[in-house]
Amino acid sequence: METAIEIGLIITSIALIASVILQSKGAGLGGLTGAESGSVFSARRGIERTLFYVTIGLSVLFFILAILAILIYRF
């Protein structure tokens, strides 16, 4: 059980890092209109929205696994 949670934490953390890096690389795509991407709000569409929701899901999963690991190791 402990090993499964540790492996889950490692896989989730790698996927979370990859999704955050992909989001930061995708931030420049909104700047094609000539305005800086950080100064103008643009709605997330398509793959950006999907990647946003995947990142949220991975962060929630990572948090839950971390809490489970703490509870298992403590008791």
N, C-alpha and C. Protein backbone atom coordinates (compact mmCIF):
# COMPACT_ATOMS: atom_id res chain seq x y z
N MET A 1 0.83 -1.20 0.00
CA MET A 1 0.00 0.00 0.00
C MET A 1 0.87 1.26 0.00
N GLU A 2 1.90 1.27 0.83
CA GLU A 2 2.77 2.44 0.90
C GLU A 2 3.51 2.65 -0.42
N THR A 3 3.95 1.55 -1.02
CA THR A 3 4.68 1.66 -2.29
C THR A 3 3.77 2.18 -3.40
N ALA A 4 2.52 1.76 -3.40
CA ALA A 4 1.59 2.22 -4.43
C ALA A 4 1.34 3.73 -4.32
N ILE A 5 1.22 4.22 -3.10
CA ILE A 5 1.02 5.66 -2.91
C ILE A 5 2.28 6.43 -3.31
N GLU A 6 3.44 5.91 -2.99
CA GLU A 6 4.69 6.57 -3.39
C GLU A 6 4.82 6.63 -4.90
N ILE A 7 4.52 5.54 -5.58
CA ILE A 7 4.58 5.52 -7.05
C ILE A 7 3.55 6.48 -7.63
N GLY A 8 2.36 6.50 -7.03
CA GLY A 8 1.33 7.44 -7.48
C GLY A 8 1.75 8.89 -7.32
N LEU A 9 2.43 9.19 -6.21
CA LEU A 9 2.92 10.55 -5.98
C LEU A 9 3.98 10.93 -7.02
N ILE A 10 4.86 10.01 -7.33
CA ILE A 10 5.92 10.30 -8.31
C ILE A 10 5.32 10.54 -9.69
N ILE A 11 4.42 9.66 -10.11
CA ILE A 11 3.81 9.80 -11.44
C ILE A 11 2.98 11.08 -11.51
N THR A 12 2.21 11.36 -10.46
CA THR A 12 1.38 12.57 -10.44
C THR A 12 2.24 13.83 -10.45
N SER A 13 3.34 13.82 -9.71
CA SER A 13 4.19 15.01 -9.67
C SER A 13 4.85 15.26 -11.02
N ILE A 14 5.29 14.21 -11.70
CA ILE A 14 5.89 14.38 -13.03
C ILE A 14 4.85 14.91 -14.02
N ALA A 15 3.65 14.36 -13.97
CA ALA A 15 2.59 14.83 -14.87
C ALA A 15 2.20 16.27 -14.56
N LEU A 16 2.18 16.63 -13.28
CA LEU A 16 1.84 18.00 -12.88
C LEU A 16 2.90 18.99 -13.36
N ILE A 17 4.15 18.62 -13.22
CA ILE A 17 5.24 19.48 -13.72
C ILE A 17 5.13 19.66 -15.22
N ALA A 18 4.87 18.57 -15.94
CA ALA A 18 4.74 18.66 -17.40
C ALA A 18 3.57 19.54 -17.81
N SER A 19 2.44 19.43 -17.12
CA SER A 19 1.28 20.24 -17.49
C SER A 19 1.52 21.72 -17.21
N VAL A 20 2.23 22.04 -16.14
CA VAL A 20 2.54 23.44 -15.84
C VAL A 20 3.51 24.00 -16.88
N ILE A 21 4.49 23.22 -17.27
CA ILE A 21 5.44 23.67 -18.29
C ILE A 21 4.74 23.88 -19.62
N LEU A 22 3.85 22.98 -19.99
CA LEU A 22 3.10 23.14 -21.23
C LEU A 22 2.21 24.37 -21.20
N GLN A 23 1.65 24.69 -20.04
CA GLN A 23 0.83 25.90 -19.93
C GLN A 23 1.67 27.15 -20.10
N SER A 24 2.86 27.16 -19.54
CA SER A 24 3.70 28.35 -19.67
C SER A 24 4.19 28.53 -21.10
N LYS A 25 4.42 27.43 -21.82
CA LYS A 25 4.81 27.54 -23.22
C LYS A 25 3.62 27.98 -24.07
N GLY A 26 2.42 27.59 -23.70
CA GLY A 26 1.23 27.96 -24.44
C GLY A 26 0.78 29.38 -24.18
N ALA A 27 1.33 30.05 -23.17
CA ALA A 27 0.92 31.41 -22.84
C ALA A 27 1.30 32.39 -23.94
N GLY A 28 2.36 32.11 -24.67
CA GLY A 28 2.77 33.00 -25.74
C GLY A 28 1.88 32.95 -26.96
N LEU A 29 1.04 31.94 -27.06
CA LEU A 29 0.17 31.81 -28.21
C LEU A 29 -0.91 32.88 -28.23
N GLY A 30 -1.29 33.39 -27.07
CA GLY A 30 -2.30 34.44 -27.03
C GLY A 30 -1.77 35.78 -27.47
N GLY A 31 -0.48 35.93 -27.59
CA GLY A 31 0.12 37.20 -27.97
C GLY A 31 0.20 37.42 -29.46
N LEU A 32 -0.45 36.62 -30.26
CA LEU A 32 -0.39 36.77 -31.70
C LEU A 32 -1.14 38.00 -32.20
N THR A 33 -1.97 38.60 -31.36
CA THR A 33 -2.74 39.77 -31.78
C THR A 33 -1.92 41.05 -31.70
N GLY A 34 -0.73 40.98 -31.15
CA GLY A 34 0.12 42.16 -31.04
C GLY A 34 0.20 42.68 -29.62
N ALA A 35 -0.79 42.34 -28.79
CA ALA A 35 -0.76 42.77 -27.40
C ALA A 35 0.01 41.75 -26.57
N GLU A 36 0.52 42.21 -25.46
CA GLU A 36 1.22 41.28 -24.58
C GLU A 36 0.21 40.31 -23.98
N SER A 37 0.61 39.05 -23.85
CA SER A 37 -0.33 38.03 -23.38
C SER A 37 -0.71 38.22 -21.92
N GLY A 38 0.14 38.85 -21.13
CA GLY A 38 -0.14 39.03 -19.71
C GLY A 38 -1.04 40.21 -19.42
N SER A 39 -1.19 41.15 -20.35
CA SER A 39 -1.94 42.36 -20.07
C SER A 39 -3.38 42.30 -20.55
N VAL A 40 -3.71 41.37 -21.41
CA VAL A 40 -5.05 41.29 -21.97
C VAL A 40 -5.65 39.94 -21.61
N PHE A 41 -6.89 39.98 -21.11
CA PHE A 41 -7.56 38.73 -20.77
C PHE A 41 -8.05 38.06 -22.05
N SER A 42 -7.79 36.78 -22.15
CA SER A 42 -8.32 36.01 -23.27
C SER A 42 -8.90 34.71 -22.73
N ALA A 43 -10.01 34.32 -23.29
CA ALA A 43 -10.67 33.10 -22.84
C ALA A 43 -9.85 31.88 -23.27
N ARG A 44 -9.85 30.89 -22.41
CA ARG A 44 -9.16 29.64 -22.75
C ARG A 44 -10.04 28.85 -23.69
N ARG A 45 -9.45 28.36 -24.76
CA ARG A 45 -10.21 27.58 -25.72
C ARG A 45 -9.45 26.33 -26.10
N GLY A 46 -10.18 25.29 -26.41
CA GLY A 46 -9.60 24.07 -26.93
C GLY A 46 -8.62 23.41 -25.99
N ILE A 47 -7.41 23.24 -26.48
CA ILE A 47 -6.39 22.51 -25.73
C ILE A 47 -5.96 23.28 -24.48
N GLU A 48 -6.01 24.61 -24.51
CA GLU A 48 -5.63 25.39 -23.34
C GLU A 48 -6.59 25.14 -22.19
N ARG A 49 -7.88 25.06 -22.49
CA ARG A 49 -8.88 24.80 -21.45
C ARG A 49 -8.71 23.38 -20.91
N THR A 50 -8.51 22.43 -21.80
CA THR A 50 -8.32 21.05 -21.37
C THR A 50 -7.08 20.93 -20.49
N LEU A 51 -6.00 21.55 -20.89
CA LEU A 51 -4.77 21.51 -20.11
C LEU A 51 -4.94 22.18 -18.75
N PHE A 52 -5.74 23.24 -18.70
CA PHE A 52 -6.04 23.93 -17.45
C PHE A 52 -6.77 23.00 -16.49
N TYR A 53 -7.80 22.30 -16.99
CA TYR A 53 -8.57 21.39 -16.14
C TYR A 53 -7.75 20.15 -15.74
N VAL A 54 -6.88 19.69 -16.63
CA VAL A 54 -6.00 18.56 -16.29
C VAL A 54 -5.05 18.97 -15.17
N THR A 55 -4.52 20.17 -15.22
CA THR A 55 -3.62 20.66 -14.18
C THR A 55 -4.34 20.75 -12.83
N ILE A 56 -5.57 21.23 -12.84
CA ILE A 56 -6.34 21.30 -11.60
C ILE A 56 -6.59 19.90 -11.05
N GLY A 57 -6.97 18.98 -11.92
CA GLY A 57 -7.22 17.60 -11.49
C GLY A 57 -5.98 16.94 -10.93
N LEU A 58 -4.85 17.14 -11.59
CA LEU A 58 -3.60 16.56 -11.10
C LEU A 58 -3.19 17.15 -9.76
N SER A 59 -3.42 18.45 -9.58
CA SER A 59 -3.05 19.05 -8.30
C SER A 59 -3.93 18.53 -7.17
N VAL A 60 -5.22 18.33 -7.43
CA VAL A 60 -6.11 17.77 -6.41
C VAL A 60 -5.70 16.34 -6.09
N LEU A 61 -5.40 15.54 -7.12
CA LEU A 61 -4.97 14.17 -6.91
C LEU A 61 -3.66 14.11 -6.12
N PHE A 62 -2.72 15.00 -6.43
CA PHE A 62 -1.46 15.04 -5.70
C PHE A 62 -1.69 15.38 -4.23
N PHE A 63 -2.57 16.33 -3.97
CA PHE A 63 -2.89 16.73 -2.60
C PHE A 63 -3.50 15.56 -1.83
N ILE A 64 -4.43 14.85 -2.44
CA ILE A 64 -5.07 13.71 -1.79
C ILE A 64 -4.05 12.60 -1.50
N LEU A 65 -3.19 12.30 -2.47
CA LEU A 65 -2.17 11.27 -2.26
C LEU A 65 -1.19 11.68 -1.16
N ALA A 66 -0.84 12.95 -1.10
CA ALA A 66 0.08 13.42 -0.07
C ALA A 66 -0.55 13.29 1.32
N ILE A 67 -1.82 13.62 1.44
CA ILE A 67 -2.51 13.46 2.72
C ILE A 67 -2.60 12.00 3.11
N LEU A 68 -2.90 11.12 2.14
CA LEU A 68 -2.94 9.68 2.43
C LEU A 68 -1.58 9.16 2.88
N ALA A 69 -0.52 9.62 2.24
CA ALA A 69 0.83 9.20 2.63
C ALA A 69 1.14 9.63 4.06
N ILE A 70 0.75 10.82 4.41
CA ILE A 70 0.98 11.30 5.78
C ILE A 70 0.21 10.46 6.77
N LEU A 71 -1.05 10.16 6.46
CA LEU A 71 -1.86 9.37 7.38
C LEU A 71 -1.36 7.95 7.53
N ILE A 72 -0.90 7.36 6.45
CA ILE A 72 -0.39 5.98 6.50
C ILE A 72 0.92 5.91 7.28
N TYR A 73 1.82 6.84 7.02
CA TYR A 73 3.12 6.81 7.70
C TYR A 73 3.02 7.17 9.17
N ARG A 74 2.03 7.97 9.52
CA ARG A 74 1.88 8.40 10.90
C ARG A 74 1.29 7.31 11.76
N PHE A 75 0.38 6.51 11.20
CA PHE A 75 -0.30 5.47 12.01
C PHE A 75 0.18 4.12 11.69
